[in-house]
Amino acid sequence: LSIRRQRQMCIRDSTRTTQLVGQEARARVAIDPAHTVASPKRILGRRHDDPEVQTFLSHQGYRSYAGPDGTTVIELWQEPYAVPQLSGYILQELLRIAQLRLGGDTSRAVIAVPVTFDAVRLDATRRAAELAGWTEVSFVDEPIAAAGANRYTPGFSGTVGVFDFGGGTFDFTAVEVRANGLRVLATAGDPWLGGDDVDAALADAAANQFWRRHRVDLRNQAVEWQRLCFASERAKRQLAVEEQALIEVADVVRTATGMVDLRLSMDRATLSRVLRPFLERALAVCDRALAAASIPASSLSAVYLCGGLCNLPQVRDAVAEHFRVPLHRGVPPEQAVCIGAAIEASLRESSTSRNAAP
């Protein structure tokens, strides 16, 4: 989400505020970080003085402070924005797309959320949806949505683990597949573990090398740091399909001899070393969930992968080695939660229509 002001020529100059959402907003992170907010879901409904929230905010280009209720207020163009308000702009754009594509009544929605969302965070999400224009919302846990999306793939049966490694959060759920639906047996998550963190770790490693060569710390420069994070993400995606990738940022700093580029070659072995602590955290979450429900990993019939990070071979290899049960991707991992939420919405709509029939 990017908030910006534009000048219009009228009888006199006037300023208006507009909101950009999606790819157009993402492109502005690297050129206008002081007015662009990425991943607001991570701090939605959380207190501003939470140490993890403070760590997240310390890497952002905008100013923030605690609101009257203790949650975060973000200042953009000298104006205060509550996080549900910013999230509402994103949901408003989704509502616009839904109305364009579906037509008819789109005032109700099913929203997929991480399993770590408590009542406070669900309430903040509901307020964001109401600000966006939805009159009725219900929720489904993201791994449950992913399980629902995969339920119609061949062989989806027994006790299934859903390993959901997305951009901002990690969730794991074990479900029992029944003829009339799914029964949750165990679930756990980590709200600060996702692809964004891997990108930042890759960027941090590149920044360390650049510091050793040029004595310039890119982490202290908001624009250059965001450009480096984007370049690191591109390299990560490239390593999903190739053995080598290049982290490259042109004209990253000016020196006495001119502009200097950052160019750092990376291979899959390097990515594996960076991924190791994140994978260890993710697998520890899985173990805690299964242990709490007294379910041995060997009793799982399969583990289904969802979330963009599961496209990396290192992630798939680590999960296969840890569980030693069949591993499936089913529906495309990066689409599983969205597809599952749509299926859940369809099922709830059908149930409502049946109950309302005379």
Protein backbone atom coordinates (compact mmCIF):
# COMPACT_ATOMS: atom_id res chain seq x y z
CA LEU A 1 0.00 0.00 0.00
CA SER A 2 1.35 3.43 -0.94
CA ILE A 3 -0.17 6.73 0.10
CA ARG A 4 0.75 9.68 -2.07
CA ARG A 5 -0.28 13.23 -2.82
CA GLN A 6 -0.80 14.54 -6.32
CA ARG A 7 -0.95 18.11 -7.59
CA GLN A 8 -3.83 19.15 -9.85
CA MET A 9 -4.15 22.40 -11.77
CA CYS A 10 -7.45 24.12 -10.97
CA ILE A 11 -8.10 27.79 -10.23
CA ARG A 12 -5.26 27.25 -7.81
CA ASP A 13 -3.03 24.36 -6.88
CA SER A 14 -4.72 21.82 -4.59
CA THR A 15 -3.43 18.63 -3.01
CA ARG A 16 -5.30 15.35 -2.93
CA THR A 17 -4.37 12.04 -1.35
CA THR A 18 -4.58 8.77 -3.26
CA GLN A 19 -3.89 5.17 -2.32
CA LEU A 20 -2.04 2.69 -4.50
CA VAL A 21 -2.43 -1.03 -3.89
CA GLY A 22 -0.69 -4.07 -5.34
CA GLN A 23 2.12 -4.04 -7.86
CA GLU A 24 1.98 -0.29 -8.39
CA ALA A 25 2.40 0.24 -4.66
CA ARG A 26 5.12 -2.39 -4.42
CA ALA A 27 7.14 -0.55 -7.05
CA ARG A 28 7.14 2.51 -4.80
CA VAL A 29 8.67 0.75 -1.79
CA ALA A 30 12.12 1.25 -3.29
CA ILE A 31 11.57 4.89 -4.29
CA ASP A 32 9.27 6.26 -1.59
CA PRO A 33 9.59 4.12 1.55
CA ALA A 34 8.50 7.01 3.79
CA HIS A 35 4.97 6.77 2.36
CA THR A 36 4.68 3.07 1.50
CA VAL A 37 3.58 0.29 3.87
CA ALA A 38 4.40 -3.35 3.14
CA SER A 39 3.00 -6.35 5.03
CA PRO A 40 0.64 -4.43 7.36
CA LYS A 41 -0.88 -7.79 8.34
CA ARG A 42 2.16 -8.44 10.50
CA ILE A 43 1.32 -5.58 12.86
CA LEU A 44 -2.47 -5.59 12.51
CA GLY A 45 -4.04 -5.73 15.98
CA ARG A 46 -0.68 -5.85 17.77
CA ARG A 47 0.59 -3.39 20.36
CA HIS A 48 3.11 -0.82 19.25
CA ASP A 49 5.41 -1.60 22.19
CA ASP A 50 5.58 -5.32 21.32
CA PRO A 51 9.32 -6.03 20.88
CA GLU A 52 8.69 -7.93 17.65
CA VAL A 53 6.60 -5.05 16.30
CA GLN A 54 9.37 -2.63 17.23
CA THR A 55 11.91 -4.76 15.37
CA PHE A 56 9.68 -4.80 12.30
CA LEU A 57 9.07 -1.04 12.43
CA SER A 58 12.77 -0.27 12.86
CA HIS A 59 13.35 -1.41 9.27
CA GLN A 60 10.59 0.76 7.79
CA GLY A 61 10.99 4.19 6.21
CA TYR A 62 7.88 5.76 7.76
CA ARG A 63 7.30 7.21 11.23
CA SER A 64 5.06 5.39 13.71
CA TYR A 65 3.84 5.75 17.26
CA ALA A 66 1.37 4.22 19.73
CA GLY A 67 -2.28 5.16 19.38
CA PRO A 68 -4.77 5.64 22.23
CA ASP A 69 -5.42 1.88 22.40
CA GLY A 70 -1.72 1.00 22.30
CA THR A 71 -1.72 -0.27 18.72
CA THR A 72 0.40 1.22 15.97
CA VAL A 73 -0.38 4.47 14.19
CA ILE A 74 1.60 5.14 11.00
CA GLU A 75 2.27 8.70 9.89
CA LEU A 76 2.22 9.39 6.14
CA TRP A 77 2.29 12.95 4.77
CA GLN A 78 1.92 14.20 8.35
CA GLU A 79 -1.41 12.38 8.65
CA PRO A 80 -2.12 9.49 11.09
CA TYR A 81 -3.32 6.13 9.79
CA ALA A 82 -4.36 3.21 11.97
CA VAL A 83 -3.25 -0.18 10.66
CA PRO A 84 -6.87 -1.42 10.16
CA GLN A 85 -7.43 1.68 8.04
CA LEU A 86 -4.44 0.87 5.83
CA SER A 87 -5.45 -2.78 5.61
CA GLY A 88 -8.92 -1.56 4.69
CA TYR A 89 -7.55 0.14 1.58
CA ILE A 90 -6.12 -3.20 0.45
CA LEU A 91 -9.39 -5.03 1.11
CA GLN A 92 -11.26 -2.24 -0.64
CA GLU A 93 -9.25 -2.90 -3.79
CA LEU A 94 -10.05 -6.62 -3.50
CA LEU A 95 -13.73 -5.76 -3.16
CA ARG A 96 -13.52 -3.60 -6.28
CA ILE A 97 -11.98 -6.49 -8.23
CA ALA A 98 -14.59 -8.93 -6.91
CA GLN A 99 -17.41 -6.63 -7.96
CA LEU A 100 -15.85 -6.23 -11.40
CA ARG A 101 -15.33 -9.96 -11.95
CA LEU A 102 -18.33 -11.47 -10.16
CA GLY A 103 -21.06 -8.88 -10.26
CA GLY A 104 -24.06 -9.18 -8.00
CA ASP A 105 -23.86 -9.02 -4.21
CA THR A 106 -20.25 -9.05 -3.02
CA SER A 107 -20.87 -7.56 0.41
CA ARG A 108 -19.93 -10.79 2.23
CA ALA A 109 -16.53 -12.45 2.32
CA VAL A 110 -14.46 -15.25 3.82
CA ILE A 111 -10.99 -14.06 4.86
CA ALA A 112 -8.13 -16.50 5.41
CA VAL A 113 -5.96 -15.64 8.42
CA PRO A 114 -2.89 -17.16 10.12
CA VAL A 115 -3.58 -19.63 12.91
CA THR A 116 -1.84 -17.25 15.33
CA PHE A 117 -4.55 -14.60 14.95
CA ASP A 118 -6.28 -14.22 18.32
CA ALA A 119 -9.59 -12.50 19.04
CA VAL A 120 -7.97 -9.05 19.07
CA ARG A 121 -6.35 -9.53 15.67
CA LEU A 122 -9.52 -11.03 14.21
CA ASP A 123 -11.46 -8.02 15.43
CA ALA A 124 -8.91 -5.69 13.79
CA THR A 125 -9.29 -7.64 10.54
CA ARG A 126 -13.07 -7.37 10.80
CA ARG A 127 -12.80 -3.60 11.26
CA ALA A 128 -10.55 -3.37 8.20
CA ALA A 129 -13.12 -5.32 6.18
CA GLU A 130 -15.94 -3.06 7.36
CA LEU A 131 -13.95 0.03 6.38
CA ALA A 132 -13.46 -1.56 2.96
CA GLY A 133 -17.21 -1.93 2.47
CA TRP A 134 -17.91 -5.54 3.40
CA THR A 135 -20.97 -5.91 5.61
CA GLU A 136 -20.37 -9.49 6.73
CA VAL A 137 -17.10 -11.40 7.06
CA SER A 138 -16.11 -14.78 8.45
CA PHE A 139 -12.71 -16.34 8.87
CA VAL A 140 -10.88 -19.54 8.02
CA ASP A 141 -7.37 -20.46 9.12
CA GLU A 142 -4.93 -20.32 6.22
CA PRO A 143 -3.73 -23.96 6.45
CA ILE A 144 -7.34 -25.13 6.74
CA ALA A 145 -8.10 -23.21 3.57
CA ALA A 146 -5.10 -24.86 1.90
CA ALA A 147 -6.32 -28.27 3.05
CA GLY A 148 -9.73 -27.50 1.59
CA ALA A 149 -8.16 -26.58 -1.73
CA ASN A 150 -6.25 -29.86 -1.83
CA ARG A 151 -9.17 -31.98 -0.61
CA TYR A 152 -10.28 -32.61 -4.18
CA THR A 153 -6.86 -33.77 -5.40
CA PRO A 154 -6.38 -37.54 -5.85
CA GLY A 155 -5.06 -39.35 -2.77
CA PHE A 156 -5.98 -36.66 -0.23
CA SER A 157 -7.05 -38.87 2.67
CA GLY A 158 -6.14 -40.03 6.16
CA THR A 159 -4.37 -37.71 8.59
CA VAL A 160 -2.75 -34.98 6.54
CA GLY A 161 -0.22 -32.33 7.52
CA VAL A 162 -0.44 -28.90 5.86
CA PHE A 163 2.91 -27.08 5.77
CA ASP A 164 2.13 -23.42 4.97
CA PHE A 165 5.27 -21.32 4.44
CA GLY A 166 4.13 -18.00 3.02
CA GLY A 167 5.55 -14.52 2.63
CA GLY A 168 4.79 -13.25 6.12
CA THR A 169 3.86 -16.16 8.38
CA PHE A 170 4.36 -19.88 8.88
CA ASP A 171 1.53 -22.22 9.89
CA PHE A 172 1.24 -25.98 10.31
CA THR A 173 -1.96 -27.96 10.77
CA ALA A 174 -2.77 -31.65 10.97
CA VAL A 175 -6.27 -32.55 9.79
CA GLU A 176 -8.25 -35.75 9.65
CA VAL A 177 -9.96 -36.15 6.29
CA ARG A 178 -13.54 -37.34 6.68
CA ALA A 179 -16.31 -37.99 4.20
CA ASN A 180 -18.23 -34.97 5.48
CA GLY A 181 -15.31 -32.58 5.88
CA LEU A 182 -12.05 -31.95 7.74
CA ARG A 183 -11.38 -32.22 11.47
CA VAL A 184 -8.48 -30.22 12.90
CA LEU A 185 -6.25 -32.35 15.11
CA ALA A 186 -3.33 -30.00 15.74
CA THR A 187 -2.26 -26.54 14.70
CA ALA A 188 0.51 -24.02 15.47
CA GLY A 189 2.21 -21.09 13.80
CA ASP A 190 4.92 -18.45 13.87
CA PRO A 191 3.74 -14.93 12.93
CA TRP A 192 7.28 -13.68 12.28
CA LEU A 193 8.51 -16.39 9.96
CA GLY A 194 8.14 -16.14 6.20
CA GLY A 195 9.61 -15.29 2.85
CA ASP A 196 10.04 -11.63 3.82
CA ASP A 197 12.45 -12.74 6.56
CA VAL A 198 14.45 -14.89 4.14
CA ASP A 199 14.72 -11.95 1.73
CA ALA A 200 15.94 -9.71 4.56
CA ALA A 201 18.53 -12.32 5.62
CA LEU A 202 19.86 -12.57 2.06
CA ALA A 203 19.96 -8.78 1.82
CA ASP A 204 21.75 -8.61 5.19
CA ALA A 205 24.43 -11.02 3.98
CA ALA A 206 24.89 -8.95 0.81
CA ALA A 207 25.04 -5.73 2.85
CA ASN A 208 27.77 -7.25 5.03
CA GLN A 209 29.90 -8.01 2.00
CA PHE A 210 29.30 -4.54 0.58
CA TRP A 211 30.34 -3.02 3.92
CA ARG A 212 33.59 -4.96 3.95
CA ARG A 213 34.43 -3.72 0.45
CA HIS A 214 33.23 -0.11 0.57
CA ARG A 215 32.62 0.75 4.25
CA VAL A 216 29.04 1.80 3.47
CA ASP A 217 26.18 0.19 5.42
CA LEU A 218 23.17 -0.08 3.11
CA ARG A 219 20.93 -1.01 6.04
CA ASN A 220 21.05 2.63 7.13
CA GLN A 221 19.74 3.88 3.78
CA ALA A 222 16.01 3.19 3.40
CA VAL A 223 15.79 3.39 -0.40
CA GLU A 224 18.92 1.37 -1.11
CA TRP A 225 17.95 -1.24 1.50
CA GLN A 226 14.56 -1.79 -0.13
CA ARG A 227 16.18 -2.10 -3.55
CA LEU A 228 18.54 -4.68 -2.09
CA CYS A 229 15.66 -6.63 -0.52
CA PHE A 230 13.89 -6.74 -3.89
CA ALA A 231 17.06 -7.91 -5.62
CA SER A 232 17.49 -10.61 -2.97
CA GLU A 233 13.92 -11.81 -3.52
CA ARG A 234 14.53 -12.02 -7.28
CA ALA A 235 17.66 -14.08 -6.68
CA LYS A 236 15.77 -16.38 -4.29
CA ARG A 237 13.09 -17.01 -6.91
CA GLN A 238 15.73 -17.63 -9.57
CA LEU A 239 17.42 -20.22 -7.35
CA ALA A 240 14.15 -22.14 -7.23
CA VAL A 241 14.76 -23.14 -10.85
CA GLU A 242 18.48 -22.51 -11.45
CA GLU A 243 21.75 -23.35 -9.73
CA GLN A 244 23.15 -19.81 -9.77
CA ALA A 245 21.69 -16.32 -9.31
CA LEU A 246 22.94 -12.77 -9.08
CA ILE A 247 21.98 -10.17 -6.48
CA GLU A 248 22.43 -6.96 -8.41
CA VAL A 249 21.59 -3.35 -7.54
CA ALA A 250 22.79 -0.65 -9.92
CA ASP A 251 24.17 2.68 -8.65
CA VAL A 252 23.69 1.73 -5.04
CA VAL A 253 26.08 4.34 -3.62
CA ARG A 254 28.12 7.32 -4.79
CA THR A 255 31.85 7.41 -4.05
CA ALA A 256 34.67 9.77 -4.91
CA THR A 257 35.25 7.80 -8.11
CA GLY A 258 31.58 7.65 -9.15
CA MET A 259 28.55 5.41 -8.69
CA VAL A 260 29.11 1.86 -7.43
CA ASP A 261 26.96 -1.17 -8.27
CA LEU A 262 26.32 -4.08 -5.94
CA ARG A 263 26.87 -7.42 -7.66
CA LEU A 264 26.97 -10.63 -5.66
CA SER A 265 26.83 -14.13 -7.08
CA MET A 266 24.89 -16.72 -5.10
CA ASP A 267 24.39 -20.45 -5.49
CA ARG A 268 21.97 -22.92 -3.98
CA ALA A 269 24.45 -23.96 -1.31
CA THR A 270 24.61 -20.38 -0.04
CA LEU A 271 20.83 -20.14 -0.03
CA SER A 272 20.67 -23.42 1.91
CA ARG A 273 22.88 -21.94 4.64
CA VAL A 274 20.69 -18.85 4.88
CA LEU A 275 17.52 -20.96 4.95
CA ARG A 276 18.72 -23.39 7.62
CA PRO A 277 17.67 -21.41 10.76
CA PHE A 278 14.30 -20.54 9.23
CA LEU A 279 13.62 -24.17 8.36
CA GLU A 280 14.65 -25.26 11.84
CA ARG A 281 12.13 -22.80 13.32
CA ALA A 282 9.39 -24.00 10.96
CA LEU A 283 9.96 -27.67 11.68
CA ALA A 284 10.06 -26.98 15.42
CA VAL A 285 6.57 -25.44 15.09
CA CYS A 286 5.40 -28.63 13.36
CA ASP A 287 6.85 -30.80 16.11
CA ARG A 288 5.18 -28.71 18.83
CA ALA A 289 1.80 -28.98 17.14
CA LEU A 290 2.04 -32.75 16.71
CA ALA A 291 3.40 -33.30 20.23
CA ALA A 292 0.57 -31.27 21.80
CA ALA A 293 -1.94 -33.54 20.07
CA SER A 294 0.10 -36.74 20.70
CA ILE A 295 0.33 -37.42 16.97
CA PRO A 296 3.57 -39.09 15.82
CA ALA A 297 4.88 -37.67 12.54
CA SER A 298 5.02 -41.19 11.12
CA SER A 299 1.22 -41.46 11.43
CA LEU A 300 0.66 -38.74 8.85
CA SER A 301 -0.50 -40.11 5.50
CA ALA A 302 1.12 -37.19 3.66
CA VAL A 303 2.28 -33.58 4.00
CA TYR A 304 0.89 -31.00 1.60
CA LEU A 305 2.92 -27.89 0.80
CA CYS A 306 1.54 -24.41 0.35
CA GLY A 307 3.02 -20.93 0.36
CA GLY A 308 5.56 -19.48 -2.05
CA LEU A 309 8.65 -20.63 -0.12
CA CYS A 310 7.67 -24.25 -0.79
CA ASN A 311 8.74 -23.71 -4.39
CA LEU A 312 12.35 -23.84 -3.17
CA PRO A 313 13.90 -27.32 -3.44
CA GLN A 314 15.71 -26.79 -0.12
CA VAL A 315 12.38 -26.40 1.66
CA ARG A 316 10.88 -29.48 0.02
CA ASP A 317 13.98 -31.55 0.81
CA ALA A 318 14.00 -30.47 4.46
CA VAL A 319 10.29 -31.28 4.92
CA ALA A 320 10.66 -34.67 3.22
CA GLU A 321 13.69 -35.53 5.39
CA HIS A 322 11.96 -34.44 8.59
CA PHE A 323 8.61 -36.22 8.17
CA ARG A 324 9.60 -39.17 5.96
CA VAL A 325 6.06 -39.44 4.58
CA PRO A 326 4.83 -38.70 1.05
CA LEU A 327 5.15 -35.04 0.11
CA HIS A 328 2.65 -33.37 -2.23
CA ARG A 329 2.28 -29.93 -3.75
CA GLY A 330 -1.30 -30.49 -4.92
CA VAL A 331 -2.70 -27.19 -6.14
CA PRO A 332 -0.04 -24.51 -6.82
CA PRO A 333 1.48 -23.70 -3.38
CA GLU A 334 1.26 -19.93 -3.79
CA GLN A 335 -2.47 -20.17 -4.68
CA ALA A 336 -3.64 -22.86 -2.25
CA VAL A 337 -4.88 -20.57 0.53
CA CYS A 338 -6.72 -18.27 -1.88
CA ILE A 339 -8.37 -21.18 -3.70
CA GLY A 340 -9.31 -22.81 -0.41
CA ALA A 341 -10.87 -19.59 0.93
CA ALA A 342 -12.92 -19.30 -2.27
CA ILE A 343 -14.11 -22.91 -1.89
CA GLU A 344 -15.01 -22.23 1.75
CA ALA A 345 -16.98 -19.14 0.72
CA SER A 346 -18.85 -21.17 -1.88
CA LEU A 347 -19.71 -23.89 0.64
CA ARG A 348 -20.96 -21.37 3.19
CA GLU A 349 -23.01 -19.56 0.54
CA SER A 350 -24.61 -22.85 -0.52
CA SER A 351 -25.39 -23.71 3.09
CA THR A 352 -26.96 -20.28 3.65
CA SER A 353 -29.08 -20.64 0.51
CA ARG A 354 -30.32 -24.09 1.57
CA ASN A 355 -31.24 -22.89 5.03
CA ALA A 356 -33.09 -19.91 3.59
CA ALA A 357 -35.10 -22.01 1.11
CA PRO A 358 -38.80 -22.47 2.01
